[in-house]
Amino acid sequence: MTIGQKQLFSLMQFAGGTFPTGGFSQSWGLETYVACGAVADAQTFNSFLKTYLASTVSRCEGPILCAAYRIAPEWKIEAILELEEFSRAVKVTKESREASLRMGKAFLRITAELLADEDICRLRKLSANKGISYPVAYGLVCGRLGLGLESSLGAFVFSAANALVQSGVKLIPLGNTQAQQLLLGLQPLMETCVDESINRPLAEVSNFCPAMDIAGIVHETLPVRLYMS
């Protein structure tokens, strides 16, 4: 589906690095890997990026986003809350679950104010205390605006990869050219993530990546932390 220029601008804004969801403060376990020396250069960082995209994004967050996008037109609150409960349940570690909720809450708060959409505003009030998972909030808003499922998902996948690459620049550290080379090299995998996410039903969602879960648990006890996850 081809989207118009206005829709493209909206996606660039919502998924851009300056949209204040707080994604810049999350490393999703990368900080633990760097602290223990498992990620120390471009090669090991590239392995981490590929694992994160292939597991967390492609098999878990991407399909959840797609499900949220598809139920957005009817906007049945029962279906939304059921999907949100599912999204929380598949997040194994406390840090990753809370990070997703904080990001989703911030995303929904800002988009509610920007769009003045009554249903989005009501959902924001309903989820004000507990928050809402980021893939659910993002998928609902993109679906509500008709931004195109494939384009919305592609922007989400790129945003996730780009945020991690920027974290890698700070933590490893990497040069800016190295970082951009890594990001460019991830394009085929990002395309695969989009395709797999669109075609994976919720019944086949998997967040099975024990090493990253352990990194998330260990992160809570690191003596020095720059990131919240």
Protein backbone atom coordinates (compact mmCIF):
# COMPACT_ATOMS: atom_id res chain seq x y z
CA MET A 1 0.00 0.00 0.00
CA THR A 2 1.42 3.35 -1.03
CA ILE A 3 0.96 6.14 1.49
CA GLY A 4 0.74 9.84 0.75
CA GLN A 5 3.26 12.50 1.65
CA LYS A 6 1.25 13.73 4.64
CA GLN A 7 1.05 10.19 6.02
CA LEU A 8 4.77 9.73 5.47
CA PHE A 9 5.50 12.90 7.41
CA SER A 10 3.31 11.65 10.27
CA LEU A 11 5.22 8.37 10.42
CA MET A 12 8.55 10.17 10.33
CA GLN A 13 7.38 12.28 13.26
CA PHE A 14 5.86 9.48 15.37
CA ALA A 15 8.76 7.05 14.86
CA GLY A 16 11.51 9.67 14.76
CA GLY A 17 14.22 9.85 17.35
CA THR A 18 13.03 13.23 18.62
CA PHE A 19 9.48 12.05 19.43
CA PRO A 20 9.54 12.01 23.24
CA THR A 21 8.58 8.44 24.11
CA GLY A 22 11.74 7.92 26.17
CA GLY A 23 13.18 5.24 23.90
CA PHE A 24 16.59 6.91 24.10
CA SER A 25 16.81 5.89 27.77
CA GLN A 26 16.43 2.14 27.03
CA SER A 27 19.16 -0.27 25.95
CA TRP A 28 17.09 -3.48 26.18
CA GLY A 29 19.93 -5.41 27.81
CA LEU A 30 22.74 -3.97 25.68
CA GLU A 31 24.25 -2.15 28.67
CA THR A 32 24.60 -5.47 30.51
CA TYR A 33 26.33 -7.08 27.54
CA VAL A 34 28.76 -4.18 27.29
CA ALA A 35 29.42 -4.21 31.03
CA CYS A 36 30.38 -7.91 31.01
CA GLY A 37 32.44 -7.57 27.82
CA ALA A 38 30.24 -9.73 25.59
CA VAL A 39 29.62 -6.75 23.30
CA ALA A 40 32.80 -4.79 22.78
CA ASP A 41 33.08 -3.88 19.10
CA ALA A 42 31.13 -3.50 15.86
CA GLN A 43 31.06 -7.24 15.16
CA THR A 44 29.68 -8.31 18.52
CA PHE A 45 27.28 -5.39 18.55
CA ASN A 46 25.99 -6.40 15.14
CA SER A 47 25.21 -9.87 16.51
CA PHE A 48 23.29 -8.31 19.38
CA LEU A 49 21.29 -6.09 16.99
CA LYS A 50 20.37 -9.01 14.76
CA THR A 51 19.27 -11.13 17.70
CA TYR A 52 17.13 -8.35 19.13
CA LEU A 53 15.41 -7.61 15.82
CA ALA A 54 14.85 -11.27 14.96
CA SER A 55 13.45 -12.18 18.37
CA THR A 56 11.89 -9.28 20.26
CA VAL A 57 10.78 -7.19 17.26
CA SER A 58 10.00 -9.74 14.56
CA ARG A 59 8.35 -12.43 16.67
CA CYS A 60 6.80 -10.39 19.48
CA GLU A 61 6.38 -6.63 19.27
CA GLY A 62 5.83 -6.53 15.51
CA PRO A 63 2.89 -8.99 15.46
CA ILE A 64 1.33 -7.23 18.48
CA LEU A 65 1.63 -3.90 16.69
CA CYS A 66 -0.07 -5.42 13.64
CA ALA A 67 -2.91 -6.77 15.77
CA ALA A 68 -3.43 -3.32 17.32
CA TYR A 69 -3.41 -1.70 13.88
CA ARG A 70 -6.06 -4.12 12.61
CA ILE A 71 -8.48 -3.57 15.50
CA ALA A 72 -8.07 0.21 15.46
CA PRO A 73 -10.84 0.99 12.93
CA GLU A 74 -13.58 -0.61 15.08
CA TRP A 75 -11.95 0.59 18.31
CA LYS A 76 -13.65 -1.92 20.60
CA ILE A 77 -12.26 -1.22 24.04
CA GLU A 78 -12.66 -4.85 25.15
CA ALA A 79 -10.48 -6.07 22.29
CA ILE A 80 -7.91 -3.36 22.98
CA LEU A 81 -7.67 -4.23 26.67
CA GLU A 82 -7.39 -7.93 25.88
CA LEU A 83 -4.53 -7.26 23.47
CA GLU A 84 -2.86 -5.01 26.04
CA GLU A 85 -3.06 -7.74 28.68
CA PHE A 86 -1.47 -10.16 26.21
CA SER A 87 1.28 -7.67 25.37
CA ARG A 88 2.23 -7.33 29.03
CA ALA A 89 2.14 -11.06 29.64
CA VAL A 90 4.73 -11.87 26.98
CA LYS A 91 7.26 -9.45 28.48
CA VAL A 92 9.23 -11.72 30.78
CA THR A 93 11.41 -9.26 32.65
CA LYS A 94 10.25 -6.40 34.84
CA GLU A 95 12.51 -3.83 33.18
CA SER A 96 11.39 -4.57 29.62
CA ARG A 97 7.72 -4.64 30.62
CA GLU A 98 7.91 -1.35 32.51
CA ALA A 99 9.95 0.28 29.74
CA SER A 100 7.32 -0.64 27.16
CA LEU A 101 4.55 0.69 29.41
CA ARG A 102 6.34 3.99 29.98
CA MET A 103 7.02 4.47 26.29
CA GLY A 104 3.44 3.60 25.35
CA LYS A 105 2.02 5.92 27.97
CA ALA A 106 4.17 8.81 26.73
CA PHE A 107 3.31 8.07 23.10
CA LEU A 108 -0.42 7.96 23.81
CA ARG A 109 -0.34 11.11 25.93
CA ILE A 110 1.38 13.14 23.24
CA THR A 111 -0.65 11.82 20.31
CA ALA A 112 -3.88 12.38 22.24
CA GLU A 113 -2.94 16.02 22.68
CA LEU A 114 -1.77 16.40 19.09
CA LEU A 115 -4.71 14.69 17.39
CA ALA A 116 -7.58 15.62 19.74
CA ASP A 117 -9.20 12.26 18.86
CA GLU A 118 -11.94 11.45 21.38
CA ASP A 119 -11.31 7.69 21.41
CA ILE A 120 -7.55 8.11 21.79
CA CYS A 121 -8.16 10.61 24.61
CA ARG A 122 -10.50 8.18 26.38
CA LEU A 123 -7.98 5.36 26.07
CA ARG A 124 -5.31 7.62 27.48
CA LYS A 125 -7.45 8.34 30.55
CA LEU A 126 -8.34 4.66 30.90
CA SER A 127 -4.68 3.61 30.87
CA ALA A 128 -3.35 6.58 32.83
CA ASN A 129 -2.50 4.61 35.98
CA LYS A 130 -0.97 1.42 34.58
CA GLY A 131 0.24 2.71 31.23
CA ILE A 132 -0.06 0.93 27.90
CA SER A 133 2.45 -1.14 25.96
CA TYR A 134 4.27 0.79 23.25
CA PRO A 135 3.51 -1.58 20.33
CA VAL A 136 -0.19 -1.48 21.22
CA ALA A 137 -0.35 2.31 21.49
CA TYR A 138 1.70 2.83 18.32
CA GLY A 139 -0.33 0.32 16.31
CA LEU A 140 -3.65 1.78 17.46
CA VAL A 141 -2.70 5.34 16.54
CA CYS A 142 -1.27 4.38 13.15
CA GLY A 143 -4.32 2.27 12.40
CA ARG A 144 -6.63 5.05 13.51
CA LEU A 145 -4.93 7.45 11.10
CA GLY A 146 -4.75 4.91 8.27
CA LEU A 147 -0.99 5.32 7.86
CA GLY A 148 -0.58 1.93 6.17
CA LEU A 149 0.31 -1.24 8.07
CA GLU A 150 3.51 -2.06 6.20
CA SER A 151 4.78 1.53 6.34
CA SER A 152 3.87 1.93 10.02
CA LEU A 153 5.59 -1.31 10.91
CA GLY A 154 8.64 -0.45 8.82
CA ALA A 155 9.02 2.87 10.63
CA PHE A 156 8.68 1.09 13.99
CA VAL A 157 11.33 -1.50 13.11
CA PHE A 158 13.76 1.12 11.85
CA SER A 159 13.17 3.26 14.93
CA ALA A 160 13.97 0.32 17.21
CA ALA A 161 17.18 -0.46 15.33
CA ASN A 162 18.24 3.18 15.12
CA ALA A 163 17.70 3.77 18.85
CA LEU A 164 19.88 0.76 19.71
CA VAL A 165 22.59 1.87 17.30
CA GLN A 166 22.68 5.27 18.99
CA SER A 167 23.01 3.51 22.34
CA GLY A 168 25.87 1.49 20.91
CA VAL A 169 27.67 4.68 19.90
CA LYS A 170 27.60 5.79 23.53
CA LEU A 171 28.29 2.50 25.27
CA ILE A 172 30.89 0.62 23.20
CA PRO A 173 31.83 3.19 21.78
CA LEU A 174 31.49 3.18 17.99
CA GLY A 175 32.35 5.84 15.47
CA ASN A 176 29.45 7.50 13.69
CA THR A 177 30.46 6.01 10.34
CA GLN A 178 30.67 2.52 11.84
CA ALA A 179 27.25 2.99 13.39
CA GLN A 180 25.68 4.04 10.11
CA GLN A 181 27.34 1.14 8.30
CA LEU A 182 25.77 -1.25 10.79
CA LEU A 183 22.37 0.35 10.36
CA LEU A 184 22.62 0.18 6.58
CA GLY A 185 23.63 -3.45 6.76
CA LEU A 186 20.54 -4.26 8.81
CA GLN A 187 18.13 -3.24 6.05
CA PRO A 188 17.57 -6.78 4.68
CA LEU A 189 16.82 -8.05 8.19
CA MET A 190 14.49 -5.11 8.83
CA GLU A 191 12.58 -6.01 5.66
CA THR A 192 12.33 -9.60 6.90
CA CYS A 193 11.08 -8.36 10.29
CA VAL A 194 8.27 -6.46 8.58
CA ASP A 195 7.21 -9.46 6.49
CA GLU A 196 7.37 -11.91 9.39
CA SER A 197 5.49 -9.59 11.75
CA ILE A 198 2.65 -9.04 9.31
CA ASN A 199 2.25 -12.76 8.67
CA ARG A 200 2.66 -14.04 12.24
CA PRO A 201 -0.65 -14.57 14.09
CA LEU A 202 -0.89 -13.74 17.78
CA ALA A 203 -1.11 -17.44 18.61
CA GLU A 204 2.47 -17.79 17.33
CA VAL A 205 3.93 -14.78 19.13
CA SER A 206 7.15 -15.69 20.92
CA ASN A 207 9.41 -13.65 23.16
CA PHE A 208 11.80 -16.55 23.82
CA CYS A 209 15.31 -15.16 24.10
CA PRO A 210 16.69 -16.32 27.47
CA ALA A 211 20.08 -14.62 27.17
CA MET A 212 18.48 -11.20 26.68
CA ASP A 213 16.04 -11.88 29.51
CA ILE A 214 18.96 -12.68 31.81
CA ALA A 215 20.72 -9.50 30.66
CA GLY A 216 17.58 -7.56 31.59
CA ILE A 217 17.48 -9.12 35.05
CA VAL A 218 21.19 -8.55 35.67
CA HIS A 219 20.87 -4.94 34.52
CA GLU A 220 18.87 -4.08 37.64
CA THR A 221 21.93 -4.87 39.77
CA LEU A 222 24.67 -3.17 37.72
CA PRO A 223 26.65 -0.76 39.94
CA VAL A 224 26.60 1.94 37.25
CA ARG A 225 23.74 2.37 34.77
CA LEU A 226 23.20 4.92 32.04
CA TYR A 227 19.99 3.31 30.79
CA MET A 228 16.73 2.21 32.37
CA SER A 229 16.77 -1.25 30.77
